[in-house]
Protein backbone atom coordinates (compact mmCIF):
# COMPACT_ATOMS: atom_id res chain seq x y z
CA MET A 1 57.11 46.36 -39.42
CA ALA A 2 58.06 44.53 -36.25
CA ALA A 3 56.34 47.16 -34.14
CA ALA A 4 53.19 46.71 -36.17
CA GLU A 5 53.27 42.94 -35.64
CA ALA A 6 53.92 43.41 -31.91
CA SER A 7 51.05 45.85 -31.61
CA ALA A 8 48.78 43.47 -33.48
CA SER A 9 49.48 40.73 -30.95
CA PHE A 10 48.22 42.89 -28.07
CA LEU A 11 44.69 43.99 -27.26
CA GLY A 12 44.02 47.51 -28.41
CA LEU A 13 43.00 50.13 -25.89
CA GLY A 14 41.38 52.55 -28.27
CA PRO A 15 37.61 53.01 -28.67
CA GLY A 16 37.62 51.44 -32.14
CA SER A 17 40.16 48.69 -31.46
CA ARG A 18 39.14 45.03 -31.82
CA ASP A 19 40.55 41.81 -30.48
CA PRO A 20 42.85 40.30 -33.12
CA GLY A 21 41.91 36.78 -32.01
CA VAL A 22 38.25 37.53 -32.56
CA VAL A 23 38.97 39.01 -35.98
CA ALA A 24 41.01 35.97 -36.98
CA ALA A 25 38.30 33.64 -35.69
CA SER A 26 35.64 35.48 -37.70
CA ARG A 27 37.73 35.18 -40.83
CA ARG A 28 38.50 31.52 -40.19
CA ARG A 29 36.48 29.13 -42.31
CA SER A 30 34.19 26.60 -40.65
CA ARG A 31 35.73 23.15 -40.31
CA GLY A 32 32.56 21.13 -40.69
CA PRO A 33 30.28 19.41 -38.17
CA ARG A 34 31.59 18.52 -34.72
CA ASN A 35 29.65 15.28 -34.20
CA ARG A 36 32.06 13.23 -36.31
CA LYS A 37 34.99 11.24 -35.09
CA LYS A 38 37.53 13.48 -36.79
CA ALA A 39 36.43 16.42 -34.67
CA TRP A 40 37.35 14.70 -31.36
CA LYS A 41 41.02 15.82 -31.42
CA ARG A 42 40.04 19.33 -32.40
CA LEU A 43 37.54 19.54 -29.52
CA SER A 44 40.25 18.59 -27.02
CA GLY A 45 42.18 21.77 -27.74
CA PRO A 46 41.91 25.26 -26.21
CA GLU A 47 38.26 25.58 -27.23
CA ALA A 48 37.36 22.53 -25.14
CA ARG A 49 39.31 23.87 -22.17
CA LEU A 50 37.53 27.19 -22.50
CA GLY A 51 34.18 25.38 -22.60
CA ARG A 52 35.02 23.44 -19.47
CA GLU A 53 36.05 26.59 -17.67
CA ILE A 54 32.78 28.27 -18.66
CA ALA A 55 30.82 25.23 -17.50
CA ASP A 56 32.62 25.23 -14.14
CA PHE A 57 31.94 28.95 -13.74
CA LEU A 58 28.23 28.51 -14.51
CA GLU A 59 28.07 25.58 -12.09
CA ASP A 60 29.60 27.71 -9.33
CA VAL A 61 27.10 30.47 -10.05
CA ALA A 62 24.20 28.00 -9.87
CA LEU A 63 25.56 26.60 -6.60
CA GLU A 64 25.66 30.07 -5.05
CA GLN A 65 22.12 30.75 -6.26
CA ARG A 66 20.89 27.52 -4.66
CA THR A 67 22.66 27.95 -1.35
CA THR A 68 22.73 31.70 -0.72
CA GLY A 69 19.94 32.95 -2.98
CA GLY A 70 22.26 34.78 -5.37
CA LEU A 71 25.87 35.76 -5.97
CA ILE A 72 27.74 36.43 -2.75
CA SER A 73 29.52 39.41 -4.32
CA GLU A 74 26.18 41.10 -5.07
CA GLN A 75 24.58 40.60 -1.65
CA PRO A 76 24.56 43.47 0.88
CA ASP A 77 26.43 43.33 4.14
CA GLU A 78 23.20 42.82 6.10
CA GLY A 79 22.67 39.51 4.31
CA LEU A 80 26.14 38.21 5.18
CA PHE A 81 26.75 39.64 8.66
CA PHE A 82 24.61 40.52 11.65
CA LEU A 83 25.16 42.64 14.74
CA ASP A 84 24.85 40.87 18.09
CA THR A 85 23.42 43.45 20.50
CA GLY A 86 23.04 41.00 23.40
CA ASN A 87 20.52 41.95 26.10
CA ALA A 88 20.82 45.70 25.64
CA THR A 89 17.05 46.23 25.81
CA LYS A 90 16.79 44.28 29.06
CA ASP A 91 19.65 46.21 30.67
CA LYS A 92 18.01 49.53 29.94
CA GLY A 93 14.88 48.48 31.83
CA GLU A 94 12.43 49.71 29.18
CA ASP A 95 8.75 49.21 29.56
CA LEU A 96 7.22 46.17 27.89
CA GLY A 97 4.63 48.28 26.12
CA SER A 98 7.24 50.58 24.60
CA ARG A 99 9.39 47.77 23.20
CA PRO A 100 9.42 47.22 19.45
CA PRO A 101 8.04 43.95 18.10
CA LEU A 102 10.37 41.01 18.51
CA LYS A 103 12.49 40.14 15.51
CA PRO A 104 12.85 36.56 14.37
CA LEU A 105 15.86 34.71 15.67
CA HIS A 106 18.95 34.45 13.54
CA VAL A 107 18.76 30.64 13.59
CA ASP A 108 15.25 30.85 12.09
CA LEU A 109 16.47 33.24 9.40
CA VAL A 110 19.33 30.87 8.54
CA LEU A 111 16.92 27.97 8.11
CA GLN A 112 14.69 29.90 5.70
CA PRO A 113 15.04 28.89 2.04
CA LEU A 114 17.07 31.45 0.09
CA SER A 115 17.44 29.57 -3.18
CA LYS A 116 16.24 31.26 -6.33
CA VAL A 117 16.33 27.97 -8.26
CA PRO A 118 12.92 26.27 -8.24
CA ALA A 119 12.70 22.74 -6.90
CA PRO A 120 12.50 19.96 -9.51
CA LYS A 121 8.99 18.94 -10.33
CA ASP A 122 8.01 15.40 -9.38
CA ILE A 123 6.24 14.10 -12.46
CA LEU A 124 5.06 10.91 -10.78
CA ALA A 125 3.25 12.88 -8.06
CA HIS A 126 1.04 14.55 -10.66
CA GLN A 127 0.03 11.37 -12.45
CA ILE A 128 -3.62 10.39 -12.01
CA PRO A 129 -5.04 7.03 -13.16
CA ASN A 130 -7.33 7.45 -16.17
CA ALA A 131 -6.54 11.17 -16.24
CA ARG A 132 -7.02 11.39 -19.99
CA LYS A 133 -10.39 9.65 -19.81
CA LEU A 134 -11.60 11.89 -16.99
CA ARG A 135 -10.42 15.02 -18.80
CA ARG A 136 -12.29 14.00 -21.97
CA ARG A 137 -15.41 13.32 -19.94
CA ARG A 138 -15.26 16.76 -18.32
CA GLU A 139 -14.74 18.42 -21.70
CA PHE A 140 -17.64 16.43 -23.18
CA TRP A 141 -20.09 17.45 -20.45
CA ALA A 142 -18.84 21.04 -20.65
CA ARG A 143 -19.78 21.08 -24.34
CA GLN A 144 -23.09 19.40 -23.56
CA ALA A 145 -23.85 21.97 -20.85
CA GLU A 146 -23.59 24.74 -23.46
CA LYS A 147 -26.36 22.94 -25.36
CA GLY A 148 -28.50 22.53 -22.25
CA LEU A 149 -27.76 18.83 -21.64
CA PHE A 150 -26.57 17.60 -18.23
CA PRO A 151 -25.63 14.26 -16.66
CA ARG A 152 -28.23 12.09 -14.98
CA GLU A 153 -27.37 13.18 -11.43
CA GLU A 154 -27.55 16.85 -12.40
CA ARG A 155 -30.91 16.35 -14.15
CA ARG A 156 -32.35 14.54 -11.11
CA PHE A 157 -31.20 17.33 -8.79
CA ARG A 158 -32.69 20.01 -11.06
CA ASN A 159 -35.99 18.13 -11.29
CA ARG A 160 -36.00 17.79 -7.52
CA LEU A 161 -35.52 21.51 -7.05
CA ARG A 162 -38.20 22.21 -9.65
CA ARG A 163 -40.65 19.79 -7.98
CA ASP A 164 -39.86 20.76 -4.38
CA PRO A 165 -38.56 24.34 -4.33
CA PRO A 166 -36.70 25.43 -1.17
CA PRO A 167 -39.06 26.91 1.43
CA SER A 168 -38.83 30.56 2.28
CA ALA A 169 -37.77 31.64 5.73
CA ALA A 170 -41.03 33.54 6.27
CA ALA A 171 -43.62 30.80 5.73
CA PRO A 172 -42.28 27.23 5.40
CA PRO A 173 -44.81 24.80 3.88
CA PRO A 174 -46.27 22.41 6.49
CA HIS A 175 -46.36 19.39 4.16
CA LEU A 176 -42.61 19.42 3.52
CA GLU A 177 -40.89 16.45 5.13
CA LYS A 178 -37.77 17.72 6.79
CA GLY A 179 -34.67 15.71 5.86
CA ARG A 180 -36.05 13.97 2.76
CA SER A 181 -37.20 16.56 0.22
CA ASP A 182 -35.44 19.68 1.47
CA PRO A 183 -32.13 20.19 -0.41
CA HIS A 184 -31.13 22.87 2.15
CA ARG A 185 -31.57 20.63 5.17
CA GLU A 186 -29.03 20.57 7.96
CA PHE A 187 -26.49 17.85 8.43
CA TYR A 188 -27.38 14.90 10.68
CA ASP A 189 -25.93 11.56 11.71
CA LEU A 190 -27.25 8.86 9.39
CA TRP A 191 -26.64 6.15 12.00
CA GLY A 192 -27.72 8.21 15.00
CA ALA A 193 -30.79 7.63 17.15
CA HIS A 194 -32.41 10.96 16.14
CA ASN A 195 -32.31 10.48 12.40
CA PRO A 196 -35.14 12.52 10.76
CA LEU A 197 -35.57 9.87 8.08
CA ASP A 198 -36.54 7.26 10.69
CA GLN A 199 -39.08 9.37 12.57
CA ALA A 200 -41.89 8.34 10.22
CA LEU A 201 -41.07 4.65 10.74
CA VAL A 202 -41.25 4.65 14.53
CA GLY A 203 -43.91 2.24 15.84
CA GLN A 204 -44.45 0.42 12.53
CA ASP A 205 -44.73 -3.36 12.23
CA PRO A 206 -41.27 -4.99 11.59
CA TRP A 207 -42.78 -7.34 8.99
CA PHE A 208 -44.29 -4.35 7.16
CA LEU A 209 -40.97 -2.50 7.25
CA GLN A 210 -39.12 -5.56 5.96
CA GLN A 211 -41.52 -6.15 3.07
CA THR A 212 -41.61 -2.48 2.07
CA LYS A 213 -37.78 -2.25 2.16
CA LYS A 214 -37.91 0.43 4.86
CA LEU A 215 -36.26 -1.55 7.62
CA LYS A 216 -33.25 0.21 9.11
CA VAL A 217 -30.02 -0.97 7.59
CA LYS A 218 -27.70 -2.78 9.97
CA ARG A 219 -24.65 -0.76 10.85
CA PRO A 220 -21.67 -2.11 8.89
CA SER A 221 -18.88 -3.63 10.92
CA ARG A 222 -16.30 -1.36 9.28
CA LEU A 223 -18.09 1.65 10.80
CA GLN A 224 -17.65 0.38 14.34
CA PRO A 225 -15.47 2.41 16.72
CA LEU A 226 -11.95 2.90 15.48
CA PRO A 227 -9.15 0.71 16.87
CA GLU A 228 -7.80 1.76 20.23
CA VAL A 229 -4.50 2.94 18.81
CA PRO A 230 -2.92 6.28 19.75
CA ALA A 231 -2.56 8.82 16.98
CA LEU A 232 1.17 9.10 17.66
CA GLU A 233 2.91 5.93 18.79
CA VAL A 234 6.16 6.33 20.67
CA ILE A 235 8.92 4.03 19.47
CA ASP A 236 10.81 1.73 21.79
CA GLY A 237 13.78 2.96 23.76
CA GLY A 238 16.06 0.94 21.48
CA GLY A 239 15.22 3.25 18.57
CA SER A 240 16.81 6.27 20.28
CA TYR A 241 20.04 7.75 18.98
CA ASN A 242 21.69 6.90 22.32
CA PRO A 243 19.84 3.81 23.63
CA THR A 244 20.76 1.64 26.56
CA PHE A 245 22.37 -1.72 25.89
CA GLY A 246 19.37 -3.80 26.98
CA GLU A 247 16.77 -1.81 25.00
CA HIS A 248 18.92 -1.84 21.87
CA GLN A 249 19.45 -5.60 22.13
CA ALA A 250 15.69 -6.12 22.56
CA LEU A 251 15.03 -4.09 19.41
CA LEU A 252 17.65 -6.09 17.51
CA LEU A 253 15.98 -9.31 18.69
CA ARG A 254 12.61 -8.11 17.36
CA ALA A 255 14.14 -7.25 14.00
CA HIS A 256 15.91 -10.64 13.94
CA GLU A 257 12.67 -12.51 14.63
CA GLU A 258 10.90 -10.53 11.89
CA GLU A 259 13.59 -11.46 9.37
CA LEU A 260 13.42 -15.10 10.45
CA ARG A 261 9.66 -15.13 9.93
CA LYS A 262 10.04 -13.73 6.41
CA GLN A 263 12.78 -16.27 5.65
CA ARG A 264 10.63 -19.17 6.89
CA ALA A 265 7.73 -18.00 4.72
CA GLU A 266 10.00 -17.91 1.65
CA GLU A 267 11.45 -21.34 2.42
CA LYS A 268 7.97 -22.77 2.91
CA LEU A 269 6.89 -21.42 -0.47
CA GLU A 270 9.99 -22.91 -2.12
CA ARG A 271 9.30 -26.30 -0.52
CA ARG A 272 5.73 -26.24 -1.77
CA LEU A 273 6.81 -25.39 -5.33
CA GLN A 274 9.81 -27.70 -5.70
CA ILE A 275 9.49 -31.15 -7.29
CA PRO A 276 9.49 -34.02 -4.73
CA ALA A 277 12.60 -36.18 -4.53
CA GLY A 278 12.55 -39.39 -6.57
CA ILE A 279 10.31 -38.00 -9.31
CA GLN A 280 11.96 -37.65 -12.69
CA LEU A 281 11.09 -34.80 -14.97
CA PRO A 282 9.13 -35.83 -18.08
CA THR A 283 11.11 -36.08 -21.31
CA ALA A 284 9.98 -36.09 -24.92
CA GLU A 285 10.19 -39.89 -25.08
CA SER A 286 8.20 -40.42 -21.89
CA VAL A 287 5.52 -37.98 -23.07
CA LEU A 288 5.21 -39.80 -26.41
CA GLN A 289 5.05 -43.18 -24.68
CA GLU A 290 2.33 -41.93 -22.35
CA GLN A 291 0.30 -40.62 -25.27
CA CYS A 292 0.58 -43.95 -27.11
CA GLU A 293 -0.24 -45.98 -24.02
CA GLY A 294 -2.95 -48.59 -24.78
CA LEU A 295 -3.13 -47.98 -28.53
CA LEU A 296 -0.80 -50.83 -29.61
CA GLU A 297 -1.50 -53.38 -26.87
CA GLU A 298 -5.28 -53.17 -26.95
CA GLU A 299 -5.71 -56.05 -29.42
CA GLU A 300 -3.28 -58.31 -27.53
CA GLU A 301 -5.12 -57.77 -24.24
CA GLU A 302 -8.47 -58.64 -25.85
CA GLU A 303 -7.06 -61.93 -27.21
CA GLU A 304 -5.61 -62.86 -23.81
CA GLN A 305 -8.93 -62.19 -22.10
CA GLU A 306 -10.77 -64.42 -24.60
CA GLU A 307 -8.29 -67.28 -24.06
CA GLU A 308 -8.62 -67.01 -20.25
CA ALA A 309 -12.41 -67.04 -20.51
CA GLU A 310 -12.32 -70.23 -22.62
CA ALA A 311 -9.86 -71.98 -20.28
CA GLU A 312 -11.87 -71.32 -17.07
CA PRO A 313 -14.46 -74.06 -16.27
CA ARG A 314 -18.04 -72.93 -15.95
CA GLU A 315 -19.60 -73.10 -12.49
CA ALA A 316 -22.73 -75.15 -12.03
CA PRO A 317 -25.80 -73.16 -11.07
CA ARG A 318 -26.58 -73.28 -7.37
CA ALA A 319 -29.73 -74.95 -6.26
CA GLN A 320 -32.30 -72.69 -4.70
CA LYS A 321 -32.85 -73.16 -0.97
CA GLY A 322 -36.18 -74.50 0.14
CA LYS A 323 -38.71 -72.85 2.49
CA LYS A 324 -37.75 -72.54 6.20
CA THR A 325 -39.40 -74.94 8.58
CA GLU A 326 -41.35 -73.99 11.71
CA GLN A 327 -38.49 -75.22 13.93
CA GLN A 328 -35.97 -72.95 12.16
CA ARG A 329 -38.27 -69.94 12.51
CA ARG A 330 -38.78 -70.67 16.25
CA ARG A 331 -35.05 -70.98 16.90
CA GLU A 332 -34.28 -67.70 15.10
CA LYS A 333 -36.98 -65.94 17.11
CA GLU A 334 -35.59 -67.32 20.38
CA ALA A 335 -32.06 -66.24 19.37
CA ARG A 336 -33.23 -62.68 18.69
CA ALA A 337 -35.08 -62.51 22.00
CA LEU A 338 -31.99 -63.80 23.83
CA ALA A 339 -29.74 -61.23 22.21
CA GLN A 340 -32.17 -58.44 23.09
CA ARG A 341 -32.37 -59.60 26.72
CA GLN A 342 -28.59 -59.73 26.96
CA ARG A 343 -28.29 -56.20 25.67
CA ARG A 344 -30.81 -54.95 28.27
CA GLU A 345 -28.94 -56.72 31.07
CA ALA A 346 -25.64 -55.29 29.91
CA ALA A 347 -27.11 -51.77 29.85
CA ALA A 348 -28.52 -52.25 33.38
CA ARG A 349 -25.15 -53.49 34.67
CA SER A 350 -23.34 -50.52 33.11
CA ALA A 351 -25.90 -48.12 34.68
CA ARG A 352 -25.29 -49.71 38.09
CA GLN A 353 -21.55 -49.43 37.58
CA GLU A 354 -21.88 -45.69 36.82
CA LEU A 355 -22.92 -45.14 40.42
CA PHE A 356 -19.44 -46.15 41.56
CA ARG A 357 -17.88 -43.66 39.06
CA LEU A 358 -19.41 -40.52 40.56
CA ARG A 359 -16.07 -39.21 41.85
CA ALA A 360 -14.35 -39.81 38.50
CA LEU A 361 -17.28 -38.16 36.71
CA ARG A 362 -17.10 -35.15 39.03
CA ARG A 363 -13.36 -34.78 38.34
CA GLN A 364 -14.01 -35.09 34.58
CA VAL A 365 -16.77 -32.45 34.72
CA ALA A 366 -14.44 -30.17 36.71
CA ARG A 367 -11.75 -30.57 34.05
CA TRP A 368 -14.27 -29.78 31.31
CA GLU A 369 -15.43 -26.65 33.13
CA ALA A 370 -11.83 -25.51 33.69
CA GLU A 371 -11.11 -26.03 30.00
CA LEU A 372 -14.22 -24.04 29.07
CA ARG A 373 -13.19 -21.21 31.38
CA ARG A 374 -9.69 -21.21 29.88
CA ARG A 375 -11.05 -21.03 26.35
CA ARG A 376 -13.48 -18.30 27.37
CA ALA A 377 -10.62 -16.27 28.84
CA LEU A 378 -8.57 -16.78 25.66
CA ARG A 379 -11.46 -15.59 23.51
CA ALA A 380 -11.93 -12.53 25.72
CA ALA A 381 -8.20 -11.76 25.50
CA ALA A 382 -8.30 -12.20 21.71
CA ARG A 383 -11.27 -9.82 21.45
CA ALA A 384 -9.50 -7.28 23.66
CA ALA A 385 -6.35 -7.57 21.54
CA GLY A 386 -8.44 -7.33 18.38
CA LYS A 387 -9.62 -3.86 19.36
CA ALA A 388 -6.10 -2.58 18.78
CA ARG A 389 -5.71 -4.35 15.43
CA PRO A 390 -6.88 -2.64 12.24
CA ARG A 391 -9.93 -4.07 10.55
CA ARG A 392 -10.16 -4.93 6.89
CA VAL A 393 -11.90 -2.03 5.16
CA GLY A 394 -10.72 -2.61 1.60
CA ARG A 395 -9.37 -5.11 -0.86
CA LEU A 396 -5.92 -5.19 0.70
CA ARG A 397 -4.86 -6.09 4.22
CA TYR A 398 -2.88 -3.80 6.47
CA GLN A 399 0.85 -4.56 6.45
CA GLU A 400 3.00 -3.52 9.38
CA PRO A 401 5.90 -1.26 8.34
CA ALA A 402 9.46 -2.48 8.71
CA LEU A 403 11.33 -1.67 11.90
CA ASP A 404 13.73 1.26 11.78
CA VAL A 405 16.75 -0.24 13.51
CA GLN A 406 20.46 0.52 13.47
CA LEU A 407 23.17 -2.02 14.18
CA SER A 408 25.65 -1.58 17.00
CA HIS A 409 28.37 -0.21 14.74
CA GLU A 410 25.91 2.20 13.08
CA LEU A 411 24.95 4.04 16.29
CA PRO A 412 26.09 7.69 16.05
CA GLU A 413 28.40 9.24 18.58
CA SER A 414 26.54 12.55 18.63
CA LEU A 415 23.55 14.28 17.09
CA ARG A 416 25.75 15.97 14.51
CA VAL A 417 26.52 12.68 12.73
CA LEU A 418 23.01 11.23 13.17
CA LYS A 419 21.48 9.89 9.95
CA PRO A 420 17.70 10.08 9.56
CA GLU A 421 15.83 6.79 9.60
CA GLY A 422 12.40 6.27 8.06
CA SER A 423 10.00 8.94 6.80
CA ILE A 424 7.52 11.08 8.72
CA LEU A 425 5.12 11.13 5.77
CA ARG A 426 5.16 7.32 5.48
CA ASP A 427 4.70 7.01 9.24
CA ARG A 428 1.61 9.26 9.22
CA PHE A 429 0.19 7.40 6.21
CA LYS A 430 0.61 4.04 7.97
CA SER A 431 -0.94 5.48 11.15
CA PHE A 432 -4.08 6.50 9.22
CA GLN A 433 -4.35 2.99 7.81
CA LYS A 434 -3.83 1.37 11.21
CA ARG A 435 -6.60 3.50 12.75
CA ASN A 436 -8.99 2.62 9.86
CA MET A 437 -9.19 6.23 8.77
CA ILE A 438 -8.18 5.26 5.22
CA GLU A 439 -8.04 1.87 3.55
CA PRO A 440 -4.74 0.16 2.72
CA ARG A 441 -3.84 0.98 -0.85
CA GLU A 442 -1.06 0.58 -3.36
CA ARG A 443 0.23 2.85 -6.08
CA ALA A 444 -1.69 2.70 -9.34
CA LYS A 445 0.17 0.93 -12.12
CA PHE A 446 0.25 2.74 -15.45
CA LYS A 447 0.30 0.33 -18.36
CA ARG A 448 1.51 1.62 -21.70
CA LYS A 449 -0.88 0.89 -24.53
CA TYR A 450 1.81 0.79 -27.19
CA ARG A 451 5.42 -0.22 -27.34
CA LEU A 452 8.10 2.44 -27.33
CA LYS A 453 9.77 2.95 -30.67
CA TYR A 454 13.52 3.69 -30.57
CA VAL A 455 14.87 5.63 -33.53
CA GLU A 456 18.56 6.31 -34.09
CA LYS A 457 19.26 9.71 -35.55
CA ARG A 458 21.20 9.91 -38.75
CA ALA A 459 23.70 12.39 -37.30
CA PHE A 460 24.94 9.92 -34.66
CA ARG A 461 24.79 6.79 -36.80
CA ALA A 462 28.27 7.35 -38.25
CA VAL A 463 29.83 7.82 -34.78
CA THR A 464 28.61 4.51 -33.41
């Protein structure tokens, strides 16, 4: 009996033997759901430890698949080791034509991705504004195309082809205007001097061209030559991983001035928005008093005004002045003539005095000319500097990216501990905007049309 119990506790080695633990587990009755509080202690037993061990094993397997492309135990020796032959082919002195093709370097093979786990998909990168609306529109016109209905642009193009069919290579029609009615025309510069659309307008009257709306459109300013900015700008010496002390301090000073400018802008905005000192905030009582202002004291003010009007004595009407005499008219005329003569004499004296101010006038004119030359030079320098600045080609203005700077204690000691700063993709994107190749833009904001509804499942309601 004891031998039977001892044999039952061990795993059988026969072909039909079964694990006694598995048999007992299959016969064991279920203990109910595991998402209740009473199952917490039971889950912390050997079953939980076994689950954790299995999870750790699966995590190790996934790590090996990501790093080495599979289990290390299953990989061949060629994938784990390599044979360094040195310069054996050079020592033999073989001919260059008889050499086999060069194999890739081992460092390049190490850098190749070996992971069998796909990279996580970036959902935000695949979002398109109004994607649902555009998809419905494409599906709608696809259904309409089956019925023979097309959009307006497609109908106009089909009518154009039907009205002006493409000429054959053998005998092109002489009446066809090249560049206007030929859908298979070659590409040309719309703003160039040899535009085929403008050949028929050469020599016409400008007034006729303006009235018939055929005058050449003025070249937009945004299509002027691109800013004189190099495609790849080299950063300052202070941005190196091992900069000199002076260059690194200069870069820190630039970053410090940029932060000060941002701080001053924020402080200025706060000063503009804050309430001035000495002004009290309105209360409910002051608002009510201001609303009732003049409603209760209106009658009292009217009575006071009537009493003041009764108490004031009435002024006697002034007597009208009589007609001026001849003597008064003569004296006024003489006074006007005298004042006019005095003004002429004063102007003559000032003109004579200007002759003695020729030197002062010359110095003043010289100062004015120097000031004009200085302003002209400043305007020329501003125009020259403006050639390197990006122009406004969209709704938004170009914003300079932040400086990539490291503090003194953050400088690495070697390239092995160097941490990457910035992003190459963001740098190229900003370079395109600075050279006016694309307009400054911001990420589209997706607004949810409905509020999210949170529902608590019945199975977890008892746990919480």
